[in-house]
Amino acid sequence: MTIIMVTMPGRGPYRLVYAPSVREHLRAIRRNFHPEIKAEIEANLLFEPDVPTSNRKRLSPKVALDVEWEFRCGAGNRFRVFYNVDDKRGQVEILAIGAKRGSRLTIGREEVKL
């Protein structure tokens, strides 16, 4: 049996840093979804968090939230993770997590317009 070591291209892994307000945002989301959200954040934002994908995009500077990136996750992409990337510190700063239902985005207990 041959074992092949694979390394990720570019830099990594990034450190995930959660803003204190994220705890409150998660309280508004049913607990059974928390492990899924955490697993998807770790799978998708540890390496190359600033590379656009089908579920990850850079936001317009006109967005009301003061964030650069949005990541969609969960069944039907119902959850949104908003974050910034700090290359100098090698970290992803997760600033908000919300739930999207139809055209409505709720972060914590507040509806937010993008």
N, C-alpha and C. Protein backbone atom coordinates (compact mmCIF):
# COMPACT_ATOMS: atom_id res chain seq x y z
N MET A 1 0.84 -1.17 0.00
CA MET A 1 0.00 0.00 0.00
C MET A 1 0.89 1.24 0.00
N THR A 2 0.54 2.20 -0.84
CA THR A 2 1.29 3.44 -0.93
C THR A 2 0.46 4.57 -0.32
N ILE A 3 1.09 5.36 0.51
CA ILE A 3 0.41 6.51 1.11
C ILE A 3 0.94 7.76 0.44
N ILE A 4 0.03 8.58 -0.03
CA ILE A 4 0.41 9.82 -0.71
C ILE A 4 -0.03 10.99 0.17
N MET A 5 0.88 11.85 0.47
CA MET A 5 0.56 13.05 1.25
C MET A 5 0.15 14.15 0.29
N VAL A 6 -0.97 14.77 0.57
CA VAL A 6 -1.47 15.85 -0.26
C VAL A 6 -1.48 17.12 0.57
N THR A 7 -0.90 18.16 0.02
CA THR A 7 -0.94 19.46 0.70
C THR A 7 -1.81 20.39 -0.11
N MET A 8 -2.47 21.28 0.60
CA MET A 8 -3.34 22.25 -0.06
C MET A 8 -2.47 23.33 -0.70
N PRO A 9 -2.81 23.74 -1.91
CA PRO A 9 -2.04 24.81 -2.54
C PRO A 9 -2.26 26.14 -1.83
N GLY A 10 -1.29 27.01 -1.94
CA GLY A 10 -1.44 28.34 -1.35
C GLY A 10 -1.26 28.29 0.16
N ARG A 11 -1.80 29.23 0.82
CA ARG A 11 -1.67 29.38 2.26
C ARG A 11 -2.71 28.61 3.02
N GLY A 12 -2.43 28.27 4.18
CA GLY A 12 -3.47 27.67 4.98
C GLY A 12 -2.88 26.82 6.08
N PRO A 13 -3.64 26.34 6.94
CA PRO A 13 -5.04 26.72 7.08
C PRO A 13 -5.18 28.06 7.79
N TYR A 14 -6.29 28.71 7.54
CA TYR A 14 -6.61 29.96 8.22
C TYR A 14 -7.17 29.63 9.60
N ARG A 15 -7.05 30.56 10.50
CA ARG A 15 -7.63 30.41 11.83
C ARG A 15 -9.03 31.01 11.78
N LEU A 16 -10.01 30.34 12.35
CA LEU A 16 -11.39 30.84 12.38
C LEU A 16 -11.60 31.60 13.68
N VAL A 17 -12.00 32.87 13.57
CA VAL A 17 -12.25 33.71 14.74
C VAL A 17 -13.70 34.16 14.67
N TYR A 18 -14.48 33.84 15.71
CA TYR A 18 -15.89 34.19 15.75
C TYR A 18 -16.09 35.45 16.59
N ALA A 19 -16.85 36.40 16.07
CA ALA A 19 -17.18 37.60 16.83
C ALA A 19 -18.10 37.19 17.99
N PRO A 20 -18.03 37.90 19.11
CA PRO A 20 -18.90 37.56 20.24
C PRO A 20 -20.39 37.56 19.90
N SER A 21 -20.80 38.39 18.96
CA SER A 21 -22.22 38.48 18.60
C SER A 21 -22.73 37.22 17.89
N VAL A 22 -21.83 36.40 17.35
CA VAL A 22 -22.25 35.19 16.64
C VAL A 22 -22.97 34.23 17.58
N ARG A 23 -22.57 34.20 18.83
CA ARG A 23 -23.26 33.33 19.81
C ARG A 23 -24.75 33.69 19.88
N GLU A 24 -25.04 34.97 19.91
CA GLU A 24 -26.45 35.42 19.94
C GLU A 24 -27.16 35.07 18.63
N HIS A 25 -26.46 35.20 17.52
CA HIS A 25 -27.06 34.86 16.22
C HIS A 25 -27.44 33.39 16.18
N LEU A 26 -26.58 32.54 16.73
CA LEU A 26 -26.86 31.10 16.72
C LEU A 26 -28.02 30.72 17.64
N ARG A 27 -28.27 31.51 18.65
CA ARG A 27 -29.41 31.23 19.55
C ARG A 27 -30.74 31.30 18.80
N ALA A 28 -30.77 32.07 17.72
CA ALA A 28 -32.00 32.21 16.93
C ALA A 28 -32.17 31.06 15.93
N ILE A 29 -31.16 30.20 15.81
CA ILE A 29 -31.20 29.06 14.89
C ILE A 29 -31.31 27.79 15.73
N ARG A 30 -32.18 26.87 15.33
CA ARG A 30 -32.37 25.63 16.09
C ARG A 30 -31.04 24.91 16.28
N ARG A 31 -30.83 24.39 17.48
CA ARG A 31 -29.56 23.76 17.86
C ARG A 31 -29.17 22.59 16.97
N ASN A 32 -30.14 21.87 16.45
CA ASN A 32 -29.78 20.70 15.64
C ASN A 32 -29.07 21.10 14.35
N PHE A 33 -29.11 22.38 13.95
CA PHE A 33 -28.40 22.85 12.76
C PHE A 33 -26.97 23.31 13.08
N HIS A 34 -26.64 23.55 14.33
CA HIS A 34 -25.33 24.09 14.69
C HIS A 34 -24.16 23.22 14.23
N PRO A 35 -24.20 21.89 14.45
CA PRO A 35 -23.07 21.07 13.98
C PRO A 35 -22.89 21.12 12.46
N GLU A 36 -23.98 21.17 11.72
CA GLU A 36 -23.90 21.25 10.26
C GLU A 36 -23.27 22.57 9.82
N ILE A 37 -23.67 23.66 10.44
CA ILE A 37 -23.12 24.98 10.10
C ILE A 37 -21.62 25.00 10.42
N LYS A 38 -21.25 24.51 11.60
CA LYS A 38 -19.84 24.49 12.00
C LYS A 38 -19.01 23.64 11.04
N ALA A 39 -19.51 22.47 10.69
CA ALA A 39 -18.77 21.58 9.78
C ALA A 39 -18.58 22.22 8.41
N GLU A 40 -19.60 22.89 7.92
CA GLU A 40 -19.47 23.53 6.60
C GLU A 40 -18.54 24.73 6.64
N ILE A 41 -18.55 25.48 7.73
CA ILE A 41 -17.60 26.59 7.88
C ILE A 41 -16.17 26.05 7.85
N GLU A 42 -15.92 25.00 8.63
CA GLU A 42 -14.58 24.43 8.69
C GLU A 42 -14.16 23.83 7.35
N ALA A 43 -15.08 23.20 6.64
CA ALA A 43 -14.75 22.57 5.36
C ALA A 43 -14.51 23.58 4.25
N ASN A 44 -15.13 24.76 4.36
CA ASN A 44 -15.07 25.70 3.24
C ASN A 44 -14.28 26.97 3.50
N LEU A 45 -13.99 27.30 4.75
CA LEU A 45 -13.32 28.58 5.01
C LEU A 45 -11.92 28.45 5.58
N LEU A 46 -11.46 27.24 5.87
CA LEU A 46 -10.10 27.09 6.39
C LEU A 46 -9.05 27.31 5.32
N PHE A 47 -9.33 26.92 4.09
CA PHE A 47 -8.41 27.07 2.98
C PHE A 47 -9.06 27.93 1.90
N GLU A 48 -8.35 28.92 1.40
CA GLU A 48 -8.81 29.78 0.32
C GLU A 48 -10.20 30.39 0.56
N PRO A 49 -10.38 31.05 1.71
CA PRO A 49 -11.69 31.64 2.00
C PRO A 49 -12.02 32.85 1.13
N ASP A 50 -11.01 33.36 0.42
CA ASP A 50 -11.23 34.54 -0.43
C ASP A 50 -11.27 34.19 -1.91
N VAL A 51 -11.59 32.94 -2.21
CA VAL A 51 -11.75 32.51 -3.60
C VAL A 51 -13.24 32.27 -3.83
N PRO A 52 -13.85 33.00 -4.78
CA PRO A 52 -15.29 32.83 -5.03
C PRO A 52 -15.61 31.40 -5.50
N THR A 53 -16.74 30.89 -5.04
CA THR A 53 -17.26 29.60 -5.48
C THR A 53 -18.76 29.77 -5.71
N SER A 54 -19.44 28.68 -6.00
CA SER A 54 -20.88 28.79 -6.22
C SER A 54 -21.62 29.18 -4.94
N ASN A 55 -21.06 28.88 -3.77
CA ASN A 55 -21.71 29.23 -2.50
C ASN A 55 -20.99 30.31 -1.71
N ARG A 56 -19.97 30.90 -2.30
CA ARG A 56 -19.17 31.91 -1.61
C ARG A 56 -18.93 33.07 -2.56
N LYS A 57 -19.29 34.28 -2.11
CA LYS A 57 -19.09 35.43 -3.00
C LYS A 57 -18.68 36.66 -2.21
N ARG A 58 -17.97 37.53 -2.93
CA ARG A 58 -17.60 38.83 -2.37
C ARG A 58 -18.82 39.74 -2.47
N LEU A 59 -19.08 40.47 -1.41
CA LEU A 59 -20.25 41.35 -1.38
C LEU A 59 -19.89 42.75 -1.87
N SER A 60 -20.89 43.42 -2.34
CA SER A 60 -20.74 44.80 -2.79
C SER A 60 -20.46 45.69 -1.57
N PRO A 61 -19.67 46.74 -1.75
CA PRO A 61 -19.41 47.65 -0.61
C PRO A 61 -20.67 48.37 -0.14
N LYS A 62 -21.73 48.29 -0.92
CA LYS A 62 -22.98 48.98 -0.55
C LYS A 62 -23.84 48.18 0.42
N VAL A 63 -23.44 46.97 0.75
CA VAL A 63 -24.19 46.12 1.66
C VAL A 63 -24.22 46.75 3.04
N ALA A 64 -25.37 46.68 3.70
CA ALA A 64 -25.54 47.31 5.01
C ALA A 64 -24.59 46.73 6.06
N LEU A 65 -24.32 45.45 5.99
CA LEU A 65 -23.38 44.83 6.92
C LEU A 65 -21.96 45.24 6.52
N ASP A 66 -21.10 45.40 7.49
CA ASP A 66 -19.72 45.80 7.21
C ASP A 66 -18.86 44.55 7.04
N VAL A 67 -19.16 43.76 5.99
CA VAL A 67 -18.43 42.52 5.72
C VAL A 67 -18.09 42.45 4.24
N GLU A 68 -17.07 41.67 3.92
CA GLU A 68 -16.63 41.52 2.54
C GLU A 68 -17.18 40.28 1.85
N TRP A 69 -17.44 39.20 2.63
CA TRP A 69 -17.78 37.91 2.03
C TRP A 69 -19.04 37.32 2.62
N GLU A 70 -19.74 36.55 1.77
CA GLU A 70 -20.91 35.79 2.18
C GLU A 70 -20.71 34.33 1.77
N PHE A 71 -21.01 33.42 2.68
CA PHE A 71 -20.95 31.99 2.40
C PHE A 71 -22.32 31.38 2.68
N ARG A 72 -22.86 30.66 1.71
CA ARG A 72 -24.17 30.01 1.87
C ARG A 72 -23.95 28.55 2.22
N CYS A 73 -24.71 28.05 3.19
CA CYS A 73 -24.56 26.66 3.59
C CYS A 73 -25.88 26.10 4.12
N GLY A 74 -25.85 24.81 4.42
CA GLY A 74 -27.04 24.14 4.93
C GLY A 74 -27.92 23.64 3.81
N ALA A 75 -28.91 22.84 4.19
CA ALA A 75 -29.86 22.30 3.22
C ALA A 75 -30.56 23.45 2.50
N GLY A 76 -30.52 23.42 1.18
CA GLY A 76 -31.14 24.48 0.40
C GLY A 76 -30.45 25.82 0.55
N ASN A 77 -29.21 25.82 1.04
CA ASN A 77 -28.45 27.07 1.27
C ASN A 77 -29.23 28.04 2.15
N ARG A 78 -29.87 27.53 3.16
CA ARG A 78 -30.73 28.39 3.99
C ARG A 78 -29.98 29.26 4.99
N PHE A 79 -28.71 28.95 5.25
CA PHE A 79 -27.93 29.74 6.21
C PHE A 79 -26.90 30.59 5.50
N ARG A 80 -26.61 31.75 6.09
CA ARG A 80 -25.61 32.67 5.54
C ARG A 80 -24.57 32.97 6.62
N VAL A 81 -23.32 32.88 6.21
CA VAL A 81 -22.20 33.20 7.10
C VAL A 81 -21.51 34.41 6.48
N PHE A 82 -21.38 35.47 7.24
CA PHE A 82 -20.76 36.71 6.75
C PHE A 82 -19.41 36.87 7.45
N TYR A 83 -18.37 37.14 6.65
CA TYR A 83 -17.03 37.15 7.21
C TYR A 83 -16.09 38.05 6.43
N ASN A 84 -14.95 38.36 7.06
CA ASN A 84 -13.84 39.07 6.44
C ASN A 84 -12.61 38.18 6.52
N VAL A 85 -11.69 38.39 5.60
CA VAL A 85 -10.44 37.63 5.57
C VAL A 85 -9.30 38.58 5.91
N ASP A 86 -8.50 38.22 6.89
CA ASP A 86 -7.32 39.01 7.28
C ASP A 86 -6.09 38.18 6.93
N ASP A 87 -5.52 38.42 5.74
CA ASP A 87 -4.38 37.65 5.27
C ASP A 87 -3.14 37.87 6.14
N LYS A 88 -2.96 39.07 6.65
CA LYS A 88 -1.79 39.36 7.47
C LYS A 88 -1.76 38.51 8.73
N ARG A 89 -2.91 38.32 9.34
CA ARG A 89 -3.00 37.51 10.55
C ARG A 89 -3.32 36.05 10.25
N GLY A 90 -3.66 35.78 9.00
CA GLY A 90 -4.00 34.41 8.62
C GLY A 90 -5.28 33.92 9.26
N GLN A 91 -6.28 34.81 9.31
CA GLN A 91 -7.52 34.42 9.95
C GLN A 91 -8.75 34.84 9.18
N VAL A 92 -9.81 34.11 9.42
CA VAL A 92 -11.13 34.43 8.88
C VAL A 92 -11.96 34.91 10.07
N GLU A 93 -12.47 36.13 9.96
CA GLU A 93 -13.26 36.73 11.04
C GLU A 93 -14.73 36.57 10.72
N ILE A 94 -15.39 35.65 11.40
CA ILE A 94 -16.81 35.40 11.18
C ILE A 94 -17.58 36.38 12.04
N LEU A 95 -18.34 37.25 11.35
CA LEU A 95 -18.99 38.36 12.03
C LEU A 95 -20.49 38.17 12.23
N ALA A 96 -21.12 37.34 11.41
CA ALA A 96 -22.56 37.13 11.54
C ALA A 96 -22.96 35.82 10.88
N ILE A 97 -23.98 35.19 11.47
CA ILE A 97 -24.58 33.99 10.89
C ILE A 97 -26.08 34.19 10.93
N GLY A 98 -26.73 33.98 9.79
CA GLY A 98 -28.16 34.19 9.73
C GLY A 98 -28.87 33.10 8.96
N ALA A 99 -30.19 33.20 8.96
CA ALA A 99 -31.03 32.24 8.24
C ALA A 99 -31.83 33.00 7.17
N LYS A 100 -31.89 32.41 6.00
CA LYS A 100 -32.61 33.03 4.89
C LYS A 100 -33.84 32.18 4.59
N ARG A 101 -34.98 32.81 4.56
CA ARG A 101 -36.23 32.15 4.19
C ARG A 101 -36.90 33.02 3.14
N GLY A 102 -36.94 32.49 1.94
CA GLY A 102 -37.47 33.29 0.83
C GLY A 102 -36.56 34.48 0.60
N SER A 103 -37.12 35.66 0.61
CA SER A 103 -36.32 36.87 0.40
C SER A 103 -35.96 37.54 1.73
N ARG A 104 -36.22 36.88 2.85
CA ARG A 104 -35.98 37.47 4.17
C ARG A 104 -34.75 36.85 4.82
N LEU A 105 -33.85 37.71 5.26
CA LEU A 105 -32.65 37.28 5.97
C LEU A 105 -32.78 37.74 7.42
N THR A 106 -32.65 36.78 8.35
CA THR A 106 -32.72 37.09 9.77
C THR A 106 -31.38 36.75 10.41
N ILE A 107 -30.81 37.74 11.08
CA ILE A 107 -29.57 37.54 11.83
C ILE A 107 -29.92 37.81 13.28
N GLY A 108 -29.76 36.79 14.10
CA GLY A 108 -30.23 36.89 15.48
C GLY A 108 -31.73 36.98 15.47
N ARG A 109 -32.27 38.00 16.02
CA ARG A 109 -33.73 38.19 16.04
C ARG A 109 -34.16 39.34 15.12
N GLU A 110 -33.22 39.86 14.33
CA GLU A 110 -33.52 41.01 13.49
C GLU A 110 -33.50 40.65 12.00
N GLU A 111 -34.44 41.21 11.27
CA GLU A 111 -34.44 41.05 9.83
C GLU A 111 -33.49 42.08 9.24
N VAL A 112 -32.66 41.63 8.30
CA VAL A 112 -31.62 42.47 7.70
C VAL A 112 -31.86 42.57 6.22
N LYS A 113 -31.68 43.76 5.67
CA LYS A 113 -31.79 43.95 4.23
C LYS A 113 -30.40 44.06 3.65
N LEU A 114 -30.18 43.29 2.59
CA LEU A 114 -28.87 43.34 1.92
C LEU A 114 -28.92 44.23 0.71
